[in-house]
Amino acid sequence: MATKLRFVLLILAFTGLTNCVTAQQKHSPAPEAGMFKVTILYPNGDDKTFDMDYYEKKHMPMVAGFIGKNLKFYEIDKGISGRTPNDKAPYVAVGYFYITDVTEYNKAIAQNRDAIISDFKNYTNIQPIIQISEIKHIRVLSGGTDDLR
């Protein structure tokens, strides 16, 4: 009886671990070739202001809500330095939206343009530079081997 109980507990533990690993793999955001990346650059400079906390907690989630299901995930970078540690970061911040359909993205932004632009004053005095790119190739290097997607 004790052997059967240990066997059942071992099976349950293994199943639980397998489900945890599978759940983590399904929810890990990763860009894929064929997706599009919207890059929003905030150039650094004298008299430039940027409230990262507001951008992170209010602005980007608001815009993400406008984009809807077309948005796969987004990222935010905070500039800390340039080419060398003593060089000023060329960009205070960079935001990225990873989307599947550029036409739908443009439509969502156009419909909410006034709300997006009027929110700028809440976190920055910088005019952002925006670029939309197609993701063509991804190479992930892990453990010394290439993992091509």
Protein backbone atom coordinates (compact mmCIF):
# COMPACT_ATOMS: atom_id res chain seq x y z
CA MET A 1 0.00 0.00 0.00
CA ALA A 2 2.80 2.46 0.89
CA THR A 3 4.55 1.66 -2.41
CA LYS A 4 1.37 2.39 -4.39
CA LEU A 5 0.91 5.68 -2.52
CA ARG A 6 4.51 6.73 -3.27
CA PHE A 7 4.03 5.82 -6.93
CA VAL A 8 0.81 7.89 -7.17
CA LEU A 9 2.49 10.84 -5.43
CA LEU A 10 5.45 10.57 -7.82
CA ILE A 11 3.10 10.60 -10.83
CA LEU A 12 1.22 13.63 -9.44
CA ALA A 13 4.47 15.51 -8.78
CA PHE A 14 5.75 14.77 -12.28
CA THR A 15 2.44 15.88 -13.83
CA GLY A 16 2.49 19.10 -11.80
CA LEU A 17 6.03 19.94 -12.87
CA THR A 18 5.24 19.20 -16.51
CA ASN A 19 2.19 21.49 -16.40
CA CYS A 20 4.22 24.33 -14.85
CA VAL A 21 6.88 24.13 -17.54
CA THR A 22 4.26 23.95 -20.32
CA ALA A 23 2.39 26.95 -18.91
CA GLN A 24 5.61 28.99 -18.77
CA GLN A 25 6.47 28.15 -22.36
CA LYS A 26 3.04 29.15 -23.68
CA HIS A 27 3.07 32.56 -22.00
CA SER A 28 6.61 33.66 -22.77
CA PRO A 29 6.40 36.56 -25.21
CA ALA A 30 8.78 36.28 -28.10
CA PRO A 31 8.91 38.08 -31.42
CA GLU A 32 8.51 35.93 -34.52
CA ALA A 33 9.58 36.48 -38.11
CA GLY A 34 6.69 38.06 -40.01
CA MET A 35 5.50 40.10 -37.03
CA PHE A 36 5.90 43.87 -36.96
CA LYS A 37 7.60 46.02 -34.35
CA VAL A 38 6.56 49.58 -33.64
CA THR A 39 9.49 51.42 -32.08
CA ILE A 40 8.86 54.67 -30.21
CA LEU A 41 12.10 56.55 -29.52
CA TYR A 42 12.37 59.44 -27.06
CA PRO A 43 15.60 61.35 -27.87
CA ASN A 44 17.65 62.56 -24.92
CA GLY A 45 18.85 66.15 -24.64
CA ASP A 46 19.08 69.26 -22.53
CA ASP A 47 15.80 70.29 -20.91
CA LYS A 48 14.16 66.97 -21.88
CA THR A 49 11.87 65.49 -19.24
CA PHE A 50 10.47 61.97 -19.01
CA ASP A 51 8.43 60.32 -16.23
CA MET A 52 9.23 56.62 -16.62
CA ASP A 53 6.82 55.57 -13.87
CA TYR A 54 3.88 57.23 -15.64
CA TYR A 55 4.96 55.85 -19.03
CA GLU A 56 5.21 52.33 -17.62
CA LYS A 57 2.04 52.31 -15.54
CA LYS A 58 -0.34 54.59 -17.48
CA HIS A 59 0.63 55.57 -21.02
CA MET A 60 1.83 52.28 -22.49
CA PRO A 61 -1.02 50.22 -20.97
CA MET A 62 -3.51 52.79 -22.31
CA VAL A 63 -2.11 52.57 -25.86
CA ALA A 64 -1.88 48.77 -25.57
CA GLY A 65 -5.60 48.75 -24.77
CA PHE A 66 -6.32 50.75 -27.92
CA ILE A 67 -4.32 48.29 -30.05
CA GLY A 68 -6.23 45.32 -28.63
CA LYS A 69 -5.82 41.74 -29.85
CA ASN A 70 -3.44 42.82 -32.62
CA LEU A 71 -0.84 43.48 -29.90
CA LYS A 72 1.15 40.39 -28.93
CA PHE A 73 3.24 42.12 -26.24
CA TYR A 74 5.15 45.32 -25.57
CA GLU A 75 8.47 46.31 -24.04
CA ILE A 76 9.93 49.43 -22.48
CA ASP A 77 13.64 50.31 -22.35
CA LYS A 78 15.12 52.99 -20.10
CA GLY A 79 18.28 54.57 -21.54
CA ILE A 80 21.20 54.43 -19.11
CA SER A 81 24.25 55.30 -21.21
CA GLY A 82 25.63 55.61 -24.70
CA ARG A 83 28.45 53.64 -26.31
CA THR A 84 30.59 54.01 -23.19
CA PRO A 85 29.40 54.30 -19.58
CA ASN A 86 30.34 58.02 -19.54
CA ASP A 87 28.34 58.83 -22.68
CA LYS A 88 24.83 60.17 -22.22
CA ALA A 89 22.14 57.76 -23.47
CA PRO A 90 20.98 58.88 -26.93
CA TYR A 91 17.41 58.00 -25.96
CA VAL A 92 15.76 58.56 -22.58
CA ALA A 93 13.36 55.71 -23.31
CA VAL A 94 12.29 53.40 -26.10
CA GLY A 95 8.93 51.67 -26.29
CA TYR A 96 8.09 48.72 -28.52
CA PHE A 97 4.77 47.26 -29.61
CA TYR A 98 4.88 43.82 -31.28
CA ILE A 99 1.91 43.46 -33.62
CA THR A 100 0.69 41.18 -36.39
CA ASP A 101 -1.18 43.63 -38.63
CA VAL A 102 0.11 47.12 -39.52
CA THR A 103 -3.19 48.23 -41.08
CA GLU A 104 -5.11 47.36 -37.91
CA TYR A 105 -2.47 49.08 -35.78
CA ASN A 106 -2.70 52.29 -37.86
CA LYS A 107 -6.49 52.18 -37.66
CA ALA A 108 -6.47 51.77 -33.84
CA ILE A 109 -3.94 54.60 -33.39
CA ALA A 110 -5.83 56.92 -35.76
CA GLN A 111 -9.10 56.34 -33.87
CA ASN A 112 -7.39 57.21 -30.57
CA ARG A 113 -4.83 59.76 -31.76
CA ASP A 114 -6.17 62.67 -29.69
CA ALA A 115 -6.14 60.67 -26.44
CA ILE A 116 -2.61 59.41 -27.11
CA ILE A 117 -1.18 62.82 -28.01
CA SER A 118 -2.94 64.65 -25.18
CA ASP A 119 -1.40 62.16 -22.72
CA PHE A 120 2.17 63.13 -23.72
CA LYS A 121 2.08 66.16 -21.41
CA ASN A 122 1.61 63.80 -18.45
CA TYR A 123 5.02 62.18 -18.86
CA THR A 124 7.27 64.04 -21.33
CA ASN A 125 8.10 67.15 -23.31
CA ILE A 126 9.83 65.07 -26.00
CA GLN A 127 8.44 64.61 -29.50
CA PRO A 128 8.82 60.84 -30.09
CA ILE A 129 10.26 59.32 -33.25
CA ILE A 130 8.30 56.32 -34.49
CA GLN A 131 9.42 53.55 -36.79
CA ILE A 132 7.46 50.48 -37.90
CA SER A 133 9.61 47.51 -38.92
CA GLU A 134 8.94 44.01 -40.17
CA ILE A 135 10.77 41.36 -38.15
CA LYS A 136 12.68 39.39 -40.77
CA HIS A 137 15.00 37.10 -38.83
CA ILE A 138 15.49 35.99 -35.24
CA ARG A 139 18.42 33.99 -33.95
CA VAL A 140 18.45 32.98 -30.30
CA LEU A 141 21.79 31.83 -28.94
CA SER A 142 21.53 29.62 -25.89
CA GLY A 143 24.08 27.29 -24.40
CA GLY A 144 26.44 27.73 -27.34
CA THR A 145 23.93 26.49 -29.91
CA ASP A 146 21.77 28.38 -32.32
CA ASP A 147 18.01 28.21 -32.05
CA LEU A 148 16.49 29.62 -35.24
CA ARG A 149 12.85 30.75 -35.22
